[in-house]
Amino acid sequence: DMLNKWSSKMSNDGKVEIEVSEWFLRL
């Protein structure tokens, strides 16, 4: 579920910047 949310945020070039510490805390 978390990775799908990351993928949905990606730009057209297939990249995205994620601040991972907050995401890992929620996970």
PDB file of all heavy atoms in Angstrom:
ATOM      1  N   ASP A   1       0.830  -1.207   0.000  1.00  0.00           N
ATOM      2  CA  ASP A   1       0.000   0.000   0.000  1.00  0.00           C
ATOM      3  C   ASP A   1       0.866   1.261   0.000  1.00  0.00           C
ATOM      4  O   ASP A   1       0.573   2.228  -0.714  1.00  0.00           O
ATOM      5  CB  ASP A   1      -0.914   0.012   1.232  1.00  0.00           C
ATOM      6  CG  ASP A   1      -1.998  -1.051   1.169  1.00  0.00           C
ATOM      7  OD1 ASP A   1      -2.233  -1.587   0.072  1.00  0.00           O
ATOM      8  OD2 ASP A   1      -2.588  -1.346   2.226  1.00  0.00           O
ATOM      9  N   MET A   2       1.925   1.243   0.788  1.00  0.00           N
ATOM     10  CA  MET A   2       2.818   2.398   0.854  1.00  0.00           C
ATOM     11  C   MET A   2       3.527   2.626  -0.482  1.00  0.00           C
ATOM     12  O   MET A   2       3.597   3.754  -0.991  1.00  0.00           O
ATOM     13  CB  MET A   2       3.855   2.200   1.966  1.00  0.00           C
ATOM     14  CG  MET A   2       4.729   3.411   2.211  1.00  0.00           C
ATOM     15  SD  MET A   2       6.059   3.102   3.409  1.00  0.00           S
ATOM     16  CE  MET A   2       7.267   2.284   2.347  1.00  0.00           C
ATOM     17  N   LEU A   3       4.048   1.562  -1.089  1.00  0.00           N
ATOM     18  CA  LEU A   3       4.773   1.697  -2.352  1.00  0.00           C
ATOM     19  C   LEU A   3       3.850   2.135  -3.484  1.00  0.00           C
ATOM     20  O   LEU A   3       4.274   2.883  -4.382  1.00  0.00           O
ATOM     21  CB  LEU A   3       5.460   0.375  -2.704  1.00  0.00           C
ATOM     22  CG  LEU A   3       6.572  -0.081  -1.745  1.00  0.00           C
ATOM     23  CD1 LEU A   3       7.191  -1.383  -2.221  1.00  0.00           C
ATOM     24  CD2 LEU A   3       7.651   0.988  -1.599  1.00  0.00           C
ATOM     25  N   ASN A   4       2.605   1.691  -3.464  1.00  0.00           N
ATOM     26  CA  ASN A   4       1.646   2.134  -4.487  1.00  0.00           C
ATOM     27  C   ASN A   4       1.410   3.643  -4.373  1.00  0.00           C
ATOM     28  O   ASN A   4       1.254   4.334  -5.401  1.00  0.00           O
ATOM     29  CB  ASN A   4       0.329   1.380  -4.337  1.00  0.00           C
ATOM     30  CG  ASN A   4       0.430  -0.064  -4.809  1.00  0.00           C
ATOM     31  OD1 ASN A   4       1.339  -0.416  -5.568  1.00  0.00           O
ATOM     32  ND2 ASN A   4      -0.482  -0.914  -4.353  1.00  0.00           N
ATOM     33  N   LYS A   5       1.374   4.154  -3.163  1.00  0.00           N
ATOM     34  CA  LYS A   5       1.221   5.601  -2.965  1.00  0.00           C
ATOM     35  C   LYS A   5       2.444   6.343  -3.485  1.00  0.00           C
ATOM     36  O   LYS A   5       2.322   7.426  -4.069  1.00  0.00           O
ATOM     37  CB  LYS A   5       0.991   5.910  -1.484  1.00  0.00           C
ATOM     38  CG  LYS A   5      -0.376   5.462  -0.978  1.00  0.00           C
ATOM     39  CD  LYS A   5      -0.524   5.655   0.527  1.00  0.00           C
ATOM     40  CE  LYS A   5      -1.866   5.134   1.005  1.00  0.00           C
ATOM     41  NZ  LYS A   5      -2.010   5.192   2.479  1.00  0.00           N
ATOM     42  N   TRP A   6       3.627   5.797  -3.274  1.00  0.00           N
ATOM     43  CA  TRP A   6       4.840   6.415  -3.827  1.00  0.00           C
ATOM     44  C   TRP A   6       4.759   6.470  -5.353  1.00  0.00           C
ATOM     45  O   TRP A   6       5.058   7.491  -5.966  1.00  0.00           O
ATOM     46  CB  TRP A   6       6.085   5.617  -3.418  1.00  0.00           C
ATOM     47  CG  TRP A   6       6.450   5.731  -1.970  1.00  0.00           C
ATOM     48  CD1 TRP A   6       5.732   6.326  -0.975  1.00  0.00           C
ATOM     49  CD2 TRP A   6       7.629   5.217  -1.347  1.00  0.00           C
ATOM     50  NE1 TRP A   6       6.380   6.217   0.233  1.00  0.00           N
ATOM     51  CE2 TRP A   6       7.544   5.548   0.029  1.00  0.00           C
ATOM     52  CE3 TRP A   6       8.741   4.520  -1.808  1.00  0.00           C
ATOM     53  CZ2 TRP A   6       8.548   5.193   0.939  1.00  0.00           C
ATOM     54  CZ3 TRP A   6       9.743   4.155  -0.901  1.00  0.00           C
ATOM     55  CH2 TRP A   6       9.642   4.492   0.457  1.00  0.00           C
ATOM     56  N   SER A   7       4.354   5.350  -5.946  1.00  0.00           N
ATOM     57  CA  SER A   7       4.278   5.270  -7.409  1.00  0.00           C
ATOM     58  C   SER A   7       3.284   6.282  -7.970  1.00  0.00           C
ATOM     59  O   SER A   7       3.505   6.880  -9.036  1.00  0.00           O
ATOM     60  CB  SER A   7       3.880   3.855  -7.845  1.00  0.00           C
ATOM     61  OG  SER A   7       4.887   2.923  -7.494  1.00  0.00           O
ATOM     62  N   SER A   8       2.187   6.495  -7.242  1.00  0.00           N
ATOM     63  CA  SER A   8       1.164   7.430  -7.720  1.00  0.00           C
ATOM     64  C   SER A   8       1.655   8.876  -7.715  1.00  0.00           C
ATOM     65  O   SER A   8       1.078   9.738  -8.390  1.00  0.00           O
ATOM     66  CB  SER A   8      -0.103   7.309  -6.853  1.00  0.00           C
ATOM     67  OG  SER A   8       0.146   7.790  -5.538  1.00  0.00           O
ATOM     68  N   LYS A   9       2.719   9.158  -6.954  1.00  0.00           N
ATOM     69  CA  LYS A   9       3.256  10.509  -6.872  1.00  0.00           C
ATOM     70  C   LYS A   9       4.325  10.784  -7.932  1.00  0.00           C
ATOM     71  O   LYS A   9       4.828  11.904  -8.026  1.00  0.00           O
ATOM     72  CB  LYS A   9       3.880  10.744  -5.480  1.00  0.00           C
ATOM     73  CG  LYS A   9       2.883  10.720  -4.321  1.00  0.00           C
ATOM     74  CD  LYS A   9       3.593  10.826  -2.982  1.00  0.00           C
ATOM     75  CE  LYS A   9       2.616  10.847  -1.828  1.00  0.00           C
ATOM     76  NZ  LYS A   9       1.815  12.088  -1.772  1.00  0.00           N
ATOM     77  N   MET A  10       4.681   9.783  -8.729  1.00  0.00           N
ATOM     78  CA  MET A  10       5.796   9.932  -9.653  1.00  0.00           C
ATOM     79  C   MET A  10       5.465  10.863 -10.807  1.00  0.00           C
ATOM     80  O   MET A  10       4.339  10.914 -11.296  1.00  0.00           O
ATOM     81  CB  MET A  10       6.223   8.560 -10.188  1.00  0.00           C
ATOM     82  CG  MET A  10       6.967   7.745  -9.135  1.00  0.00           C
ATOM     83  SD  MET A  10       7.780   6.326  -9.825  1.00  0.00           S
ATOM     84  CE  MET A  10       9.002   6.010  -8.541  1.00  0.00           C
ATOM     85  N   SER A  11       6.477  11.592 -11.244  1.00  0.00           N
ATOM     86  CA  SER A  11       6.330  12.492 -12.395  1.00  0.00           C
ATOM     87  C   SER A  11       6.434  11.680 -13.686  1.00  0.00           C
ATOM     88  O   SER A  11       6.627  10.460 -13.665  1.00  0.00           O
ATOM     89  CB  SER A  11       7.425  13.565 -12.346  1.00  0.00           C
ATOM     90  OG  SER A  11       8.710  12.959 -12.328  1.00  0.00           O
ATOM     91  N   ASN A  12       6.342  12.367 -14.817  1.00  0.00           N
ATOM     92  CA  ASN A  12       6.363  11.687 -16.118  1.00  0.00           C
ATOM     93  C   ASN A  12       7.667  10.947 -16.391  1.00  0.00           C
ATOM     94  O   ASN A  12       7.697   9.982 -17.153  1.00  0.00           O
ATOM     95  CB  ASN A  12       6.106  12.703 -17.243  1.00  0.00           C
ATOM     96  CG  ASN A  12       4.686  13.253 -17.177  1.00  0.00           C
ATOM     97  OD1 ASN A  12       3.786  12.566 -16.674  1.00  0.00           O
ATOM     98  ND2 ASN A  12       4.484  14.469 -17.656  1.00  0.00           N
ATOM     99  N   ASP A  13       8.762  11.423 -15.773  1.00  0.00           N
ATOM    100  CA  ASP A  13      10.046  10.746 -15.997  1.00  0.00           C
ATOM    101  C   ASP A  13      10.271   9.569 -15.048  1.00  0.00           C
ATOM    102  O   ASP A  13      11.361   8.993 -14.992  1.00  0.00           O
ATOM    103  CB  ASP A  13      11.213  11.738 -15.862  1.00  0.00           C
ATOM    104  CG  ASP A  13      11.286  12.366 -14.473  1.00  0.00           C
ATOM    105  OD1 ASP A  13      10.398  12.085 -13.641  1.00  0.00           O
ATOM    106  OD2 ASP A  13      12.233  13.142 -14.216  1.00  0.00           O
ATOM    107  N   GLY A  14       9.220   9.195 -14.299  1.00  0.00           N
ATOM    108  CA  GLY A  14       9.325   8.025 -13.427  1.00  0.00           C
ATOM    109  C   GLY A  14      10.106   8.271 -12.160  1.00  0.00           C
ATOM    110  O   GLY A  14      10.619   7.327 -11.549  1.00  0.00           O
ATOM    111  N   LYS A  15      10.196   9.541 -11.726  1.00  0.00           N
ATOM    112  CA  LYS A  15      10.942   9.865 -10.502  1.00  0.00           C
ATOM    113  C   LYS A  15      10.037  10.550  -9.485  1.00  0.00           C
ATOM    114  O   LYS A  15       9.053  11.200  -9.846  1.00  0.00           O
ATOM    115  CB  LYS A  15      12.129  10.792 -10.822  1.00  0.00           C
ATOM    116  CG  LYS A  15      13.250  10.133 -11.585  1.00  0.00           C
ATOM    117  CD  LYS A  15      14.423  11.106 -11.752  1.00  0.00           C
ATOM    118  CE  LYS A  15      15.583  10.454 -12.485  1.00  0.00           C
ATOM    119  NZ  LYS A  15      16.745  11.378 -12.609  1.00  0.00           N
ATOM    120  N   VAL A  16      10.423  10.409  -8.216  1.00  0.00           N
ATOM    121  CA  VAL A  16       9.715  11.105  -7.160  1.00  0.00           C
ATOM    122  C   VAL A  16      10.646  11.280  -5.967  1.00  0.00           C
ATOM    123  O   VAL A  16      11.486  10.418  -5.700  1.00  0.00           O
ATOM    124  CB  VAL A  16       8.442  10.328  -6.727  1.00  0.00           C
ATOM    125  CG1 VAL A  16       8.786   8.975  -6.129  1.00  0.00           C
ATOM    126  CG2 VAL A  16       7.597  11.139  -5.749  1.00  0.00           C
ATOM    127  N   GLU A  17      10.521  12.427  -5.268  1.00  0.00           N
ATOM    128  CA  GLU A  17      11.294  12.635  -4.043  1.00  0.00           C
ATOM    129  C   GLU A  17      10.398  12.336  -2.845  1.00  0.00           C
ATOM    130  O   GLU A  17       9.312  12.904  -2.723  1.00  0.00           O
ATOM    131  CB  GLU A  17      11.823  14.071  -3.957  1.00  0.00           C
ATOM    132  CG  GLU A  17      12.657  14.318  -2.698  1.00  0.00           C
ATOM    133  CD  GLU A  17      13.244  15.723  -2.639  1.00  0.00           C
ATOM    134  OE1 GLU A  17      13.760  16.196  -3.672  1.00  0.00           O
ATOM    135  OE2 GLU A  17      13.179  16.338  -1.548  1.00  0.00           O
ATOM    136  N   ILE A  18      10.868  11.436  -2.003  1.00  0.00           N
ATOM    137  CA  ILE A  18      10.102  11.009  -0.832  1.00  0.00           C
ATOM    138  C   ILE A  18      10.934  11.252   0.425  1.00  0.00           C
ATOM    139  O   ILE A  18      12.112  10.895   0.474  1.00  0.00           O
ATOM    140  CB  ILE A  18       9.753   9.502  -0.898  1.00  0.00           C
ATOM    141  CG1 ILE A  18       8.918   9.186  -2.141  1.00  0.00           C
ATOM    142  CG2 ILE A  18       9.047   9.047   0.375  1.00  0.00           C
ATOM    143  CD1 ILE A  18       7.501   9.654  -2.099  1.00  0.00           C
ATOM    144  N   GLU A  19      10.309  11.883   1.444  1.00  0.00           N
ATOM    145  CA  GLU A  19      10.973  11.995   2.745  1.00  0.00           C
ATOM    146  C   GLU A  19      10.618  10.715   3.510  1.00  0.00           C
ATOM    147  O   GLU A  19       9.544  10.588   4.101  1.00  0.00           O
ATOM    148  CB  GLU A  19      10.470  13.239   3.482  1.00  0.00           C
ATOM    149  CG  GLU A  19      11.427  13.752   4.561  1.00  0.00           C
ATOM    150  CD  GLU A  19      11.522  12.839   5.769  1.00  0.00           C
ATOM    151  OE1 GLU A  19      10.691  12.977   6.659  1.00  0.00           O
ATOM    152  OE2 GLU A  19      12.433  11.978   5.800  1.00  0.00           O
ATOM    153  N   VAL A  20      11.537   9.729   3.475  1.00  0.00           N
ATOM    154  CA  VAL A  20      11.174   8.369   3.860  1.00  0.00           C
ATOM    155  C   VAL A  20      10.974   8.179   5.367  1.00  0.00           C
ATOM    156  O   VAL A  20      10.247   7.271   5.788  1.00  0.00           O
ATOM    157  CB  VAL A  20      12.222   7.343   3.355  1.00  0.00           C
ATOM    158  CG1 VAL A  20      12.252   7.305   1.843  1.00  0.00           C
ATOM    159  CG2 VAL A  20      13.601   7.611   3.935  1.00  0.00           C
ATOM    160  N   SER A  21      11.586   9.009   6.199  1.00  0.00           N
ATOM    161  CA  SER A  21      11.511   8.751   7.639  1.00  0.00           C
ATOM    162  C   SER A  21      10.071   8.807   8.152  1.00  0.00           C
ATOM    163  O   SER A  21       9.665   7.987   8.980  1.00  0.00           O
ATOM    164  CB  SER A  21      12.397   9.728   8.422  1.00  0.00           C
ATOM    165  OG  SER A  21      11.952  11.053   8.287  1.00  0.00           O
ATOM    166  N   GLU A  22       9.269   9.754   7.638  1.00  0.00           N
ATOM    167  CA  GLU A  22       7.871   9.855   8.074  1.00  0.00           C
ATOM    168  C   GLU A  22       7.049   8.673   7.560  1.00  0.00           C
ATOM    169  O   GLU A  22       6.185   8.139   8.263  1.00  0.00           O
ATOM    170  CB  GLU A  22       7.267  11.171   7.577  1.00  0.00           C
ATOM    171  CG  GLU A  22       7.816  12.400   8.278  1.00  0.00           C
ATOM    172  CD  GLU A  22       7.505  12.403   9.768  1.00  0.00           C
ATOM    173  OE1 GLU A  22       6.432  11.895  10.161  1.00  0.00           O
ATOM    174  OE2 GLU A  22       8.344  12.890  10.543  1.00  0.00           O
ATOM    175  N   TRP A  23       7.309   8.259   6.329  1.00  0.00           N
ATOM    176  CA  TRP A  23       6.591   7.115   5.762  1.00  0.00           C
ATOM    177  C   TRP A  23       6.920   5.841   6.521  1.00  0.00           C
ATOM    178  O   TRP A  23       6.041   5.024   6.812  1.00  0.00           O
ATOM    179  CB  TRP A  23       6.941   6.941   4.286  1.00  0.00           C
ATOM    180  CG  TRP A  23       6.289   7.945   3.392  1.00  0.00           C
ATOM    181  CD1 TRP A  23       6.768   9.182   3.063  1.00  0.00           C
ATOM    182  CD2 TRP A  23       5.037   7.812   2.712  1.00  0.00           C
ATOM    183  NE1 TRP A  23       5.891   9.824   2.214  1.00  0.00           N
ATOM    184  CE2 TRP A  23       4.825   9.010   1.980  1.00  0.00           C
ATOM    185  CE3 TRP A  23       4.079   6.809   2.631  1.00  0.00           C
ATOM    186  CZ2 TRP A  23       3.698   9.208   1.192  1.00  0.00           C
ATOM    187  CZ3 TRP A  23       2.953   6.998   1.844  1.00  0.00           C
ATOM    188  CH2 TRP A  23       2.765   8.198   1.145  1.00  0.00           C
ATOM    189  N   PHE A  24       8.202   5.645   6.844  1.00  0.00           N
ATOM    190  CA  PHE A  24       8.600   4.436   7.572  1.00  0.00           C
ATOM    191  C   PHE A  24       8.030   4.435   8.996  1.00  0.00           C
ATOM    192  O   PHE A  24       7.743   3.378   9.550  1.00  0.00           O
ATOM    193  CB  PHE A  24      10.121   4.315   7.616  1.00  0.00           C
ATOM    194  CG  PHE A  24      10.743   3.910   6.300  1.00  0.00           C
ATOM    195  CD1 PHE A  24      11.998   4.367   5.936  1.00  0.00           C
ATOM    196  CD2 PHE A  24      10.075   3.069   5.430  1.00  0.00           C
ATOM    197  CE1 PHE A  24      12.571   4.001   4.732  1.00  0.00           C
ATOM    198  CE2 PHE A  24      10.640   2.693   4.208  1.00  0.00           C
ATOM    199  CZ  PHE A  24      11.891   3.157   3.864  1.00  0.00           C
ATOM    200  N   LEU A  25       7.872   5.618   9.565  1.00  0.00           N
ATOM    201  CA  LEU A  25       7.279   5.707  10.900  1.00  0.00           C
ATOM    202  C   LEU A  25       5.826   5.224  10.860  1.00  0.00           C
ATOM    203  O   LEU A  25       5.385   4.453  11.717  1.00  0.00           O
ATOM    204  CB  LEU A  25       7.360   7.148  11.406  1.00  0.00           C
ATOM    205  CG  LEU A  25       7.153   7.377  12.904  1.00  0.00           C
ATOM    206  CD1 LEU A  25       8.181   6.609  13.717  1.00  0.00           C
ATOM    207  CD2 LEU A  25       7.224   8.852  13.227  1.00  0.00           C
ATOM    208  N   ARG A  26       5.092   5.675   9.849  1.00  0.00           N
ATOM    209  CA  ARG A  26       3.688   5.250   9.723  1.00  0.00           C
ATOM    210  C   ARG A  26       3.583   3.750   9.417  1.00  0.00           C
ATOM    211  O   ARG A  26       2.691   3.060   9.928  1.00  0.00           O
ATOM    212  CB  ARG A  26       2.975   6.066   8.634  1.00  0.00           C
ATOM    213  CG  ARG A  26       2.742   7.523   9.022  1.00  0.00           C
ATOM    214  CD  ARG A  26       1.744   8.189   8.105  1.00  0.00           C
ATOM    215  NE  ARG A  26       2.267   8.389   6.768  1.00  0.00           N
ATOM    216  CZ  ARG A  26       2.967   9.464   6.384  1.00  0.00           C
ATOM    217  NH1 ARG A  26       3.221  10.438   7.260  1.00  0.00           N
ATOM    218  NH2 ARG A  26       3.390   9.583   5.141  1.00  0.00           N
ATOM    219  N   LEU A  27       4.510   3.259   8.583  1.00  0.00           N
ATOM    220  CA  LEU A  27       4.534   1.824   8.274  1.00  0.00           C
ATOM    221  C   LEU A  27       4.778   1.008   9.542  1.00  0.00           C
ATOM    222  O   LEU A  27       4.096   0.010   9.807  1.00  0.00           O
ATOM    223  CB  LEU A  27       5.633   1.533   7.245  1.00  0.00           C
ATOM    224  CG  LEU A  27       5.854   0.054   6.901  1.00  0.00           C
ATOM    225  CD1 LEU A  27       4.700  -0.484   6.075  1.00  0.00           C
ATOM    226  CD2 LEU A  27       7.192  -0.134   6.153  1.00  0.00           C
TER     227      LEU A  27
END
